[in-house]
Amino acid sequence: MHSKLTPVEKEWNKLLKKEEQFLKKRRIKKESSFNKMLEEKIPEKLQQTLDVAFAKAFTLIFQKGSGIIEKTYKKEEFEKAYQIHEYTHQVRQNKKSLRTFSKKAEGTGTRNFLLSGVSGVGMGILGIGIPDIPVFTGMMLRSIYEISMSYGYKYDTEEEQFFILLLIQGAVSYGTEIEVINRELNTFISTGKLPLNDDGTRQIEKTAGCLSGELLYMKFLQGIPIVGAAGGIYDAVYMKHITEYANLKYKRRFLENQKKINKEEGR
């Protein structure tokens, strides 16, 4: 007879299916006819300008801005909620107590996804494109911070910042690139070892380049008053991709840890 799967094992199997679904959707990048129409209108140096803007936003927030972001939510409440959920799960060890963590994380992701849409559209109506990047980056990191705390992880060490940057890069990548990044993230989750080319500054540049490449056409459009509202909507679209992937990776970390705990305790 087959042994009965534990709640953690059941959630692990569901997670693997969701990860595969996410990767499958991003194996091939579909070229947008709308982007092709805008291609000739894009200023030659816009890509480089966006690269610099995203890199500066990441650097500023990591060095000085996390405290500012923390003022937009109640960090202590997230920490207390995690402790309560963790204690409840250790006592009950059932499906319901286990899913409390992901339910909390998914709720924060949905809220920030909606806020980014409102912000992007508002700035698009005003014709604000590139200046929206620090706002979008701040909201993106806030969402990831809240997800990480929902699963009991910190976000303010250099190691965790590298993990977050790699996660964002993966969320907006396609084909073999996302496959490679996904494996690197999973290796870190399993072993605690980051890629050998662990360099925070270089990773900021790589992540900034991926984001600017994906958002190039939309940020150009967002810089045109009124019409830019359509470009601003894509802040929410990409926020959804990023928070969905962040949820998968942090949940994987959490479940990996729960499996180790169960093994040590003979469950």
Protein backbone atom coordinates (compact mmCIF):
# COMPACT_ATOMS: atom_id res chain seq x y z
CA MET A 1 0.00 0.00 0.00
CA HIS A 2 1.16 3.53 -0.72
CA SER A 3 1.76 5.70 2.31
CA LYS A 4 -0.62 8.61 2.69
CA LEU A 5 0.80 11.96 1.60
CA THR A 6 1.23 14.61 4.28
CA PRO A 7 -0.35 18.08 3.86
CA VAL A 8 3.12 19.45 3.05
CA GLU A 9 3.69 16.82 0.36
CA LYS A 10 0.29 17.53 -1.19
CA GLU A 11 1.00 21.28 -1.28
CA TRP A 12 4.45 20.56 -2.74
CA ASN A 13 2.94 18.56 -5.61
CA LYS A 14 0.43 21.34 -6.31
CA LEU A 15 3.23 23.91 -6.26
CA LEU A 16 5.26 21.96 -8.83
CA LYS A 17 2.26 21.93 -11.19
CA LYS A 18 1.74 25.69 -10.78
CA GLU A 19 5.43 26.36 -11.42
CA GLU A 20 5.31 24.27 -14.58
CA GLN A 21 2.22 26.17 -15.76
CA PHE A 22 4.00 29.50 -15.16
CA LEU A 23 7.10 28.37 -17.06
CA LYS A 24 5.05 26.90 -19.91
CA LYS A 25 3.34 30.26 -20.51
CA ARG A 26 6.75 31.94 -20.84
CA ARG A 27 8.62 29.41 -22.98
CA ILE A 28 7.86 31.35 -26.14
CA LYS A 29 7.58 35.13 -26.31
CA LYS A 30 4.74 36.30 -28.52
CA GLU A 31 5.66 39.39 -30.50
CA SER A 32 3.04 42.11 -30.14
CA SER A 33 1.81 43.73 -33.37
CA PHE A 34 1.20 46.88 -31.32
CA ASN A 35 4.86 46.96 -30.25
CA LYS A 36 5.93 46.55 -33.87
CA MET A 37 3.78 49.54 -34.78
CA LEU A 38 5.50 51.65 -32.11
CA GLU A 39 9.01 50.39 -32.92
CA GLU A 40 9.90 53.12 -35.41
CA LYS A 41 8.71 55.84 -33.04
CA ILE A 42 10.89 54.79 -30.06
CA PRO A 43 13.74 57.28 -29.43
CA GLU A 44 17.14 55.67 -29.99
CA LYS A 45 18.42 56.16 -26.43
CA LEU A 46 15.18 55.36 -24.57
CA GLN A 47 16.27 51.79 -23.74
CA GLN A 48 19.48 53.07 -22.15
CA THR A 49 17.56 55.74 -20.24
CA LEU A 50 15.20 53.11 -18.82
CA ASP A 51 18.14 50.83 -17.92
CA VAL A 52 19.69 53.62 -15.87
CA ALA A 53 16.38 54.64 -14.29
CA PHE A 54 15.57 51.10 -13.07
CA ALA A 55 19.14 50.52 -11.85
CA LYS A 56 19.11 53.79 -9.89
CA ALA A 57 15.71 52.94 -8.39
CA PHE A 58 16.91 49.52 -7.18
CA THR A 59 20.17 50.92 -5.80
CA LEU A 60 18.46 53.79 -3.99
CA ILE A 61 15.79 51.59 -2.41
CA PHE A 62 18.22 48.85 -1.36
CA GLN A 63 20.63 51.37 0.15
CA LYS A 64 18.27 53.92 1.66
CA GLY A 65 14.68 53.30 0.73
CA SER A 66 13.57 50.10 2.49
CA GLY A 67 12.73 52.12 5.58
CA ILE A 68 10.53 54.41 3.49
CA ILE A 69 8.72 51.42 1.96
CA GLU A 70 8.20 49.96 5.44
CA LYS A 71 6.22 53.07 6.37
CA THR A 72 3.60 52.07 3.78
CA TYR A 73 2.68 48.89 5.66
CA LYS A 74 2.79 47.58 9.25
CA LYS A 75 5.86 45.34 9.37
CA GLU A 76 5.23 44.28 12.96
CA GLU A 77 1.77 43.00 12.05
CA PHE A 78 3.18 40.83 9.27
CA GLU A 79 5.77 39.40 11.67
CA LYS A 80 3.16 38.72 14.36
CA ALA A 81 0.78 37.15 11.83
CA TYR A 82 3.54 34.82 10.63
CA GLN A 83 4.38 33.77 14.20
CA ILE A 84 0.70 33.03 14.92
CA HIS A 85 0.29 31.08 11.68
CA GLU A 86 3.51 29.15 12.33
CA TYR A 87 2.46 28.21 15.87
CA THR A 88 -1.03 27.19 14.67
CA HIS A 89 0.45 25.01 11.95
CA GLN A 90 2.89 23.31 14.30
CA VAL A 91 -0.05 22.40 16.54
CA ARG A 92 -2.58 21.36 13.88
CA GLN A 93 -0.37 20.13 11.03
CA ASN A 94 -3.26 20.11 8.57
CA LYS A 95 -4.10 21.48 5.11
CA LYS A 96 -6.00 24.47 6.45
CA SER A 97 -3.21 25.68 8.76
CA LEU A 98 -0.65 25.20 5.98
CA ARG A 99 -2.59 27.20 3.42
CA THR A 100 -2.93 30.17 5.77
CA PHE A 101 0.56 31.32 4.77
CA SER A 102 -0.10 31.35 1.01
CA LYS A 103 -3.53 32.91 1.50
CA LYS A 104 -1.91 35.85 3.29
CA ALA A 105 0.80 36.18 0.63
CA GLU A 106 -1.64 36.02 -2.28
CA GLY A 107 -3.82 38.68 -0.67
CA THR A 108 -0.94 41.16 -0.46
CA GLY A 109 0.03 40.45 -4.08
CA THR A 110 -3.51 41.11 -5.32
CA ARG A 111 -3.77 44.38 -3.41
CA ASN A 112 -0.46 45.72 -4.74
CA PHE A 113 -1.34 44.57 -8.27
CA LEU A 114 -4.50 46.71 -8.14
CA LEU A 115 -2.65 49.70 -6.65
CA SER A 116 0.02 49.58 -9.36
CA GLY A 117 -2.70 49.66 -12.03
CA VAL A 118 -4.33 52.72 -10.51
CA SER A 119 -0.95 54.46 -10.16
CA GLY A 120 0.18 53.57 -13.71
CA VAL A 121 -3.04 54.73 -15.34
CA GLY A 122 -3.03 57.96 -13.32
CA MET A 123 0.50 58.81 -14.36
CA GLY A 124 -0.24 57.79 -17.94
CA ILE A 125 -3.14 60.24 -18.11
CA LEU A 126 -0.69 62.95 -17.02
CA GLY A 127 1.91 61.79 -19.54
CA ILE A 128 4.36 60.62 -16.88
CA GLY A 129 6.37 57.64 -18.13
CA ILE A 130 10.00 57.44 -17.01
CA PRO A 131 9.38 59.33 -13.70
CA ASP A 132 6.92 56.53 -12.88
CA ILE A 133 9.79 54.01 -12.66
CA PRO A 134 10.81 54.74 -9.01
CA VAL A 135 7.13 54.48 -8.00
CA PHE A 136 6.64 51.22 -9.90
CA THR A 137 9.91 49.79 -8.53
CA GLY A 138 8.96 50.77 -4.97
CA MET A 139 5.53 49.12 -5.27
CA MET A 140 7.08 46.03 -6.84
CA LEU A 141 9.57 45.64 -3.98
CA ARG A 142 6.90 46.39 -1.39
CA SER A 143 4.80 43.55 -2.79
CA ILE A 144 7.75 41.14 -2.70
CA TYR A 145 8.67 42.23 0.83
CA GLU A 146 5.12 41.54 2.02
CA ILE A 147 5.11 38.13 0.34
CA SER A 148 8.47 37.24 1.89
CA MET A 149 7.26 38.21 5.38
CA SER A 150 4.07 36.17 4.92
CA TYR A 151 6.31 33.10 4.63
CA GLY A 152 8.68 34.18 7.42
CA TYR A 153 11.65 35.43 5.36
CA LYS A 154 13.68 38.61 5.66
CA TYR A 155 14.43 40.85 2.69
CA ASP A 156 17.07 43.35 3.82
CA THR A 157 20.35 41.37 3.59
CA GLU A 158 22.59 41.45 0.52
CA GLU A 159 21.89 37.77 -0.06
CA GLU A 160 18.12 38.28 0.03
CA GLN A 161 18.36 41.35 -2.22
CA PHE A 162 20.24 39.24 -4.78
CA PHE A 163 17.52 36.58 -4.54
CA ILE A 164 14.82 39.21 -5.09
CA LEU A 165 16.63 40.69 -8.11
CA LEU A 166 17.08 37.25 -9.68
CA LEU A 167 13.43 36.49 -8.98
CA ILE A 168 12.28 39.69 -10.75
CA GLN A 169 14.56 38.95 -13.70
CA GLY A 170 13.09 35.47 -13.98
CA ALA A 171 9.52 36.75 -13.82
CA VAL A 172 9.98 38.92 -16.94
CA SER A 173 12.19 36.49 -18.90
CA TYR A 174 11.33 33.92 -21.56
CA GLY A 175 12.55 30.68 -23.08
CA THR A 176 15.86 29.20 -21.99
CA GLU A 177 16.65 32.29 -19.88
CA ILE A 178 13.77 31.76 -17.45
CA GLU A 179 14.60 28.03 -17.31
CA VAL A 180 18.18 28.82 -16.25
CA ILE A 181 17.11 31.45 -13.71
CA ASN A 182 14.45 29.14 -12.29
CA ARG A 183 17.07 26.44 -11.73
CA GLU A 184 19.39 28.94 -10.02
CA LEU A 185 16.59 30.04 -7.70
CA ASN A 186 15.69 26.44 -6.90
CA THR A 187 19.34 25.63 -6.18
CA PHE A 188 19.50 28.51 -3.73
CA ILE A 189 16.25 27.37 -2.10
CA SER A 190 17.59 23.81 -1.69
CA THR A 191 21.20 24.54 -0.74
CA GLY A 192 21.38 28.20 0.28
CA LYS A 193 24.04 28.77 -2.41
CA LEU A 194 23.67 31.67 -4.83
CA PRO A 195 25.13 31.51 -8.38
CA LEU A 196 28.93 31.69 -8.58
CA ASN A 197 28.72 35.08 -10.33
CA ASP A 198 27.14 36.54 -7.18
CA ASP A 199 27.62 40.27 -7.68
CA GLY A 200 24.90 42.62 -6.45
CA THR A 201 25.78 45.52 -8.74
CA ARG A 202 25.92 43.33 -11.83
CA GLN A 203 22.63 41.67 -10.90
CA ILE A 204 20.97 45.08 -10.51
CA GLU A 205 22.09 45.92 -14.06
CA LYS A 206 20.82 42.61 -15.46
CA THR A 207 17.44 42.90 -13.74
CA ALA A 208 17.09 46.56 -14.75
CA GLY A 209 17.88 45.61 -18.36
CA CYS A 210 15.22 42.89 -18.41
CA LEU A 211 12.58 45.21 -16.97
CA SER A 212 13.42 48.07 -19.33
CA GLY A 213 13.37 45.73 -22.32
CA GLU A 214 9.92 44.44 -21.39
CA LEU A 215 8.47 47.86 -20.53
CA LEU A 216 10.18 49.87 -23.30
CA TYR A 217 7.13 50.34 -25.51
CA MET A 218 4.68 50.84 -22.68
CA LYS A 219 6.81 53.47 -20.91
CA PHE A 220 7.17 55.32 -24.21
CA LEU A 221 3.40 55.26 -24.63
CA GLN A 222 2.86 56.21 -20.99
CA GLY A 223 4.80 59.42 -21.59
CA ILE A 224 2.06 60.70 -23.92
CA PRO A 225 -0.73 62.52 -22.00
CA ILE A 226 -4.17 60.85 -21.99
CA VAL A 227 -3.12 58.07 -24.42
CA GLY A 228 -0.50 57.06 -21.84
CA ALA A 229 -3.22 55.56 -19.65
CA ALA A 230 -3.09 52.48 -21.89
CA GLY A 231 0.64 52.16 -21.23
CA GLY A 232 0.10 52.66 -17.51
CA ILE A 233 -2.18 49.62 -17.36
CA TYR A 234 0.86 47.48 -18.08
CA ASP A 235 2.32 48.40 -14.68
CA ALA A 236 -0.40 46.15 -13.27
CA VAL A 237 0.17 43.44 -15.90
CA TYR A 238 3.86 43.11 -15.04
CA MET A 239 3.21 43.50 -11.33
CA LYS A 240 0.93 40.47 -11.62
CA HIS A 241 3.65 38.41 -13.36
CA ILE A 242 6.23 39.37 -10.75
CA THR A 243 4.06 38.80 -7.66
CA GLU A 244 2.80 35.48 -9.04
CA TYR A 245 6.37 34.24 -9.54
CA ALA A 246 7.46 35.63 -6.17
CA ASN A 247 4.65 33.73 -4.50
CA LEU A 248 5.73 30.50 -6.18
CA LYS A 249 9.38 30.88 -5.17
CA TYR A 250 8.77 31.96 -1.57
CA LYS A 251 6.19 29.21 -1.14
CA ARG A 252 8.77 26.76 -2.45
CA ARG A 253 11.26 28.01 0.15
CA PHE A 254 8.64 27.68 2.86
CA LEU A 255 7.56 24.17 1.88
CA GLU A 256 11.17 23.04 1.45
CA ASN A 257 11.80 24.15 5.02
CA GLN A 258 8.62 22.44 6.27
CA LYS A 259 9.75 19.19 4.63
CA LYS A 260 13.09 19.41 6.46
CA ILE A 261 11.34 20.08 9.78
CA ASN A 262 9.00 17.13 9.26
CA LYS A 263 11.93 14.87 8.38
CA GLU A 264 13.87 15.90 11.48
CA GLU A 265 10.82 15.30 13.67
CA GLY A 266 10.02 11.99 11.99
CA ARG A 267 6.65 13.03 10.57
